[in-house]
PDB file of N, CA and C in Angstrom:
ATOM      1  N   MET A   1      11.056 -29.428 -13.697  1.00  0.00           N
ATOM      2  CA  MET A   1      10.201 -28.907 -12.670  1.00  0.00           C
ATOM      3  C   MET A   1       9.562 -27.611 -13.197  1.00  0.00           C
ATOM      4  N   ALA A   2       8.255 -27.507 -13.113  1.00  0.00           N
ATOM      5  CA  ALA A   2       7.536 -26.321 -13.584  1.00  0.00           C
ATOM      6  C   ALA A   2       7.475 -25.272 -12.486  1.00  0.00           C
ATOM      7  N   ALA A   3       7.575 -24.010 -12.889  1.00  0.00           N
ATOM      8  CA  ALA A   3       7.497 -22.913 -11.925  1.00  0.00           C
ATOM      9  C   ALA A   3       6.032 -22.633 -11.581  1.00  0.00           C
ATOM     10  N   ALA A   4       5.780 -22.294 -10.342  1.00  0.00           N
ATOM     11  CA  ALA A   4       4.421 -21.945  -9.912  1.00  0.00           C
ATOM     12  C   ALA A   4       4.081 -20.542 -10.410  1.00  0.00           C
ATOM     13  N   PRO A   5       2.828 -20.331 -10.846  1.00  0.00           N
ATOM     14  CA  PRO A   5       2.457 -18.995 -11.314  1.00  0.00           C
ATOM     15  C   PRO A   5       2.461 -18.002 -10.147  1.00  0.00           C
ATOM     16  N   ALA A   6       2.804 -16.748 -10.454  1.00  0.00           N
ATOM     17  CA  ALA A   6       2.827 -15.708  -9.419  1.00  0.00           C
ATOM     18  C   ALA A   6       1.404 -15.428  -8.955  1.00  0.00           C
ATOM     19  N   GLN A   7       1.249 -15.237  -7.664  1.00  0.00           N
ATOM     20  CA  GLN A   7      -0.070 -14.945  -7.120  1.00  0.00           C
ATOM     21  C   GLN A   7      -0.239 -13.443  -6.973  1.00  0.00           C
ATOM     22  N   THR A   8      -1.409 -12.949  -7.335  1.00  0.00           N
ATOM     23  CA  THR A   8      -1.727 -11.543  -7.185  1.00  0.00           C
ATOM     24  C   THR A   8      -2.204 -11.315  -5.755  1.00  0.00           C
ATOM     25  N   PRO A   9      -1.605 -10.333  -5.047  1.00  0.00           N
ATOM     26  CA  PRO A   9      -2.047 -10.106  -3.674  1.00  0.00           C
ATOM     27  C   PRO A   9      -3.492  -9.613  -3.633  1.00  0.00           C
ATOM     28  N   LYS A  10      -4.220 -10.043  -2.612  1.00  0.00           N
ATOM     29  CA  LYS A  10      -5.610  -9.642  -2.450  1.00  0.00           C
ATOM     30  C   LYS A  10      -5.665  -8.198  -1.929  1.00  0.00           C
ATOM     31  N   PRO A  11      -6.458  -7.320  -2.546  1.00  0.00           N
ATOM     32  CA  PRO A  11      -6.568  -5.944  -2.061  1.00  0.00           C
ATOM     33  C   PRO A  11      -7.151  -5.913  -0.649  1.00  0.00           C
ATOM     34  N   GLU A  12      -6.678  -4.974   0.151  1.00  0.00           N
ATOM     35  CA  GLU A  12      -7.194  -4.794   1.507  1.00  0.00           C
ATOM     36  C   GLU A  12      -7.758  -3.392   1.644  1.00  0.00           C
ATOM     37  N   ARG A  13      -8.816  -3.262   2.449  1.00  0.00           N
ATOM     38  CA  ARG A  13      -9.387  -1.951   2.730  1.00  0.00           C
ATOM     39  C   ARG A  13      -8.746  -1.396   3.982  1.00  0.00           C
ATOM     40  N   LEU A  14      -8.591  -0.081   3.990  1.00  0.00           N
ATOM     41  CA  LEU A  14      -7.965   0.593   5.102  1.00  0.00           C
ATOM     42  C   LEU A  14      -8.745   1.865   5.373  1.00  0.00           C
ATOM     43  N   SER A  15      -9.102   2.073   6.621  1.00  0.00           N
ATOM     44  CA  SER A  15      -9.809   3.281   7.017  1.00  0.00           C
ATOM     45  C   SER A  15      -8.927   4.030   7.994  1.00  0.00           C
ATOM     46  N   GLY A  16      -8.601   5.287   7.659  1.00  0.00           N
ATOM     47  CA  GLY A  16      -7.731   6.057   8.530  1.00  0.00           C
ATOM     48  C   GLY A  16      -7.324   7.349   7.866  1.00  0.00           C
ATOM     49  N   THR A  17      -6.132   7.824   8.201  1.00  0.00           N
ATOM     50  CA  THR A  17      -5.633   9.110   7.732  1.00  0.00           C
ATOM     51  C   THR A  17      -4.308   8.925   7.012  1.00  0.00           C
ATOM     52  N   ILE A  18      -4.150   9.581   5.861  1.00  0.00           N
ATOM     53  CA  ILE A  18      -2.862   9.600   5.174  1.00  0.00           C
ATOM     54  C   ILE A  18      -2.003  10.632   5.887  1.00  0.00           C
ATOM     55  N   GLU A  19      -0.876  10.195   6.430  1.00  0.00           N
ATOM     56  CA  GLU A  19       0.020  11.082   7.177  1.00  0.00           C
ATOM     57  C   GLU A  19       0.991  11.797   6.239  1.00  0.00           C
ATOM     58  N   THR A  20       1.691  11.033   5.385  1.00  0.00           N
ATOM     59  CA  THR A  20       2.679  11.622   4.472  1.00  0.00           C
ATOM     60  C   THR A  20       2.687  10.869   3.148  1.00  0.00           C
ATOM     61  N   VAL A  21       3.126  11.573   2.108  1.00  0.00           N
ATOM     62  CA  VAL A  21       3.379  10.971   0.801  1.00  0.00           C
ATOM     63  C   VAL A  21       4.761  11.446   0.379  1.00  0.00           C
ATOM     64  N   ASP A  22       5.655  10.496   0.110  1.00  0.00           N
ATOM     65  CA  ASP A  22       7.011  10.822  -0.288  1.00  0.00           C
ATOM     66  C   ASP A  22       7.374   9.951  -1.486  1.00  0.00           C
ATOM     67  N   GLY A  23       7.273  10.529  -2.680  1.00  0.00           N
ATOM     68  CA  GLY A  23       7.514   9.750  -3.895  1.00  0.00           C
ATOM     69  C   GLY A  23       6.450   8.673  -4.021  1.00  0.00           C
ATOM     70  N   HIS A  24       6.868   7.420  -4.030  1.00  0.00           N
ATOM     71  CA  HIS A  24       5.930   6.303  -4.139  1.00  0.00           C
ATOM     72  C   HIS A  24       5.708   5.618  -2.792  1.00  0.00           C
ATOM     73  N   MET A  25       6.077   6.295  -1.689  1.00  0.00           N
ATOM     74  CA  MET A  25       5.873   5.745  -0.347  1.00  0.00           C
ATOM     75  C   MET A  25       4.821   6.588   0.368  1.00  0.00           C
ATOM     76  N   LEU A  26       3.813   5.918   0.879  1.00  0.00           N
ATOM     77  CA  LEU A  26       2.718   6.568   1.580  1.00  0.00           C
ATOM     78  C   LEU A  26       2.702   6.051   3.012  1.00  0.00           C
ATOM     79  N   THR A  27       2.568   6.937   3.986  1.00  0.00           N
ATOM     80  CA  THR A  27       2.439   6.531   5.383  1.00  0.00           C
ATOM     81  C   THR A  27       1.022   6.833   5.821  1.00  0.00           C
ATOM     82  N   ALA A  28       0.326   5.820   6.328  1.00  0.00           N
ATOM     83  CA  ALA A  28      -1.070   5.970   6.738  1.00  0.00           C
ATOM     84  C   ALA A  28      -1.226   5.540   8.183  1.00  0.00           C
ATOM     85  N   LYS A  29      -2.108   6.223   8.897  1.00  0.00           N
ATOM     86  CA  LYS A  29      -2.439   5.870  10.286  1.00  0.00           C
ATOM     87  C   LYS A  29      -3.851   5.335  10.285  1.00  0.00           C
ATOM     88  N   PRO A  30      -4.011   4.004  10.399  1.00  0.00           N
ATOM     89  CA  PRO A  30      -5.352   3.434  10.415  1.00  0.00           C
ATOM     90  C   PRO A  30      -6.098   3.812  11.692  1.00  0.00           C
ATOM     91  N   ASN A  31      -7.421   3.720  11.650  1.00  0.00           N
ATOM     92  CA  ASN A  31      -8.235   4.005  12.829  1.00  0.00           C
ATOM     93  C   ASN A  31      -7.874   3.072  13.978  1.00  0.00           C
ATOM     94  N   LYS A  32      -7.439   1.856  13.652  1.00  0.00           N
ATOM     95  CA  LYS A  32      -7.030   0.875  14.662  1.00  0.00           C
ATOM     96  C   LYS A  32      -5.647   0.366  14.289  1.00  0.00           C
ATOM     97  N   GLY A  33      -4.741   0.379  15.241  1.00  0.00           N
ATOM     98  CA  GLY A  33      -3.425  -0.196  14.998  1.00  0.00           C
ATOM     99  C   GLY A  33      -2.352   0.839  14.734  1.00  0.00           C
ATOM    100  N   ALA A  34      -1.167   0.327  14.410  1.00  0.00           N
ATOM    101  CA  ALA A  34       0.020   1.157  14.197  1.00  0.00           C
ATOM    102  C   ALA A  34       0.054   1.714  12.775  1.00  0.00           C
ATOM    103  N   ALA A  35       0.881   2.732  12.571  1.00  0.00           N
ATOM    104  CA  ALA A  35       1.051   3.353  11.263  1.00  0.00           C
ATOM    105  C   ALA A  35       1.564   2.323  10.254  1.00  0.00           C
ATOM    106  N   LEU A  36       1.162   2.497   8.991  1.00  0.00           N
ATOM    107  CA  LEU A  36       1.556   1.589   7.913  1.00  0.00           C
ATOM    108  C   LEU A  36       2.325   2.347   6.850  1.00  0.00           C
ATOM    109  N   LYS A  37       3.345   1.726   6.307  1.00  0.00           N
ATOM    110  CA  LYS A  37       4.061   2.279   5.152  1.00  0.00           C
ATOM    111  C   LYS A  37       3.637   1.465   3.947  1.00  0.00           C
ATOM    112  N   ILE A  38       3.141   2.165   2.928  1.00  0.00           N
ATOM    113  CA  ILE A  38       2.585   1.517   1.741  1.00  0.00           C
ATOM    114  C   ILE A  38       3.362   2.001   0.522  1.00  0.00           C
ATOM    115  N   THR A  39       3.853   1.065  -0.274  1.00  0.00           N
ATOM    116  CA  THR A  39       4.539   1.409  -1.514  1.00  0.00           C
ATOM    117  C   THR A  39       3.507   1.427  -2.637  1.00  0.00           C
ATOM    118  N   LEU A  40       3.424   2.563  -3.331  1.00  0.00           N
ATOM    119  CA  LEU A  40       2.466   2.724  -4.416  1.00  0.00           C
ATOM    120  C   LEU A  40       3.057   2.211  -5.723  1.00  0.00           C
ATOM    121  N   ALA A  41       2.175   1.828  -6.635  1.00  0.00           N
ATOM    122  CA  ALA A  41       2.605   1.358  -7.961  1.00  0.00           C
ATOM    123  C   ALA A  41       3.314   2.511  -8.689  1.00  0.00           C
ATOM    124  N   PRO A  42       4.209   2.202  -9.607  1.00  0.00           N
ATOM    125  CA  PRO A  42       4.991   3.227 -10.300  1.00  0.00           C
ATOM    126  C   PRO A  42       4.140   4.264 -11.041  1.00  0.00           C
ATOM    127  N   LYS A  43       2.994   3.905 -11.573  1.00  0.00           N
ATOM    128  CA  LYS A  43       2.215   4.854 -12.375  1.00  0.00           C
ATOM    129  C   LYS A  43       1.114   5.556 -11.589  1.00  0.00           C
ATOM    130  N   VAL A  44       1.095   5.432 -10.267  1.00  0.00           N
ATOM    131  CA  VAL A  44       0.070   6.088  -9.454  1.00  0.00           C
ATOM    132  C   VAL A  44       0.415   7.564  -9.322  1.00  0.00           C
ATOM    133  N   VAL A  45      -0.597   8.422  -9.485  1.00  0.00           N
ATOM    134  CA  VAL A  45      -0.430   9.857  -9.320  1.00  0.00           C
ATOM    135  C   VAL A  45      -1.229  10.273  -8.085  1.00  0.00           C
ATOM    136  N   VAL A  46      -0.570  10.949  -7.137  1.00  0.00           N
ATOM    137  CA  VAL A  46      -1.220  11.445  -5.934  1.00  0.00           C
ATOM    138  C   VAL A  46      -1.363  12.942  -6.085  1.00  0.00           C
ATOM    139  N   VAL A  47      -2.600  13.422  -5.968  1.00  0.00           N
ATOM    140  CA  VAL A  47      -2.858  14.859  -6.144  1.00  0.00           C
ATOM    141  C   VAL A  47      -3.291  15.452  -4.837  1.00  0.00           C
TER     142      VAL A  47
END
């Protein structure tokens, strides 16, 4: 049985405010809807 290739997630756009950044975890409040917790890639630098 052959393994299925991994699928790359489709990028999504988000409009709102970054509430907090803690290590590689970002909390954002979109203009519509509830707050989101986003895990950043290991090599991302937030300035």
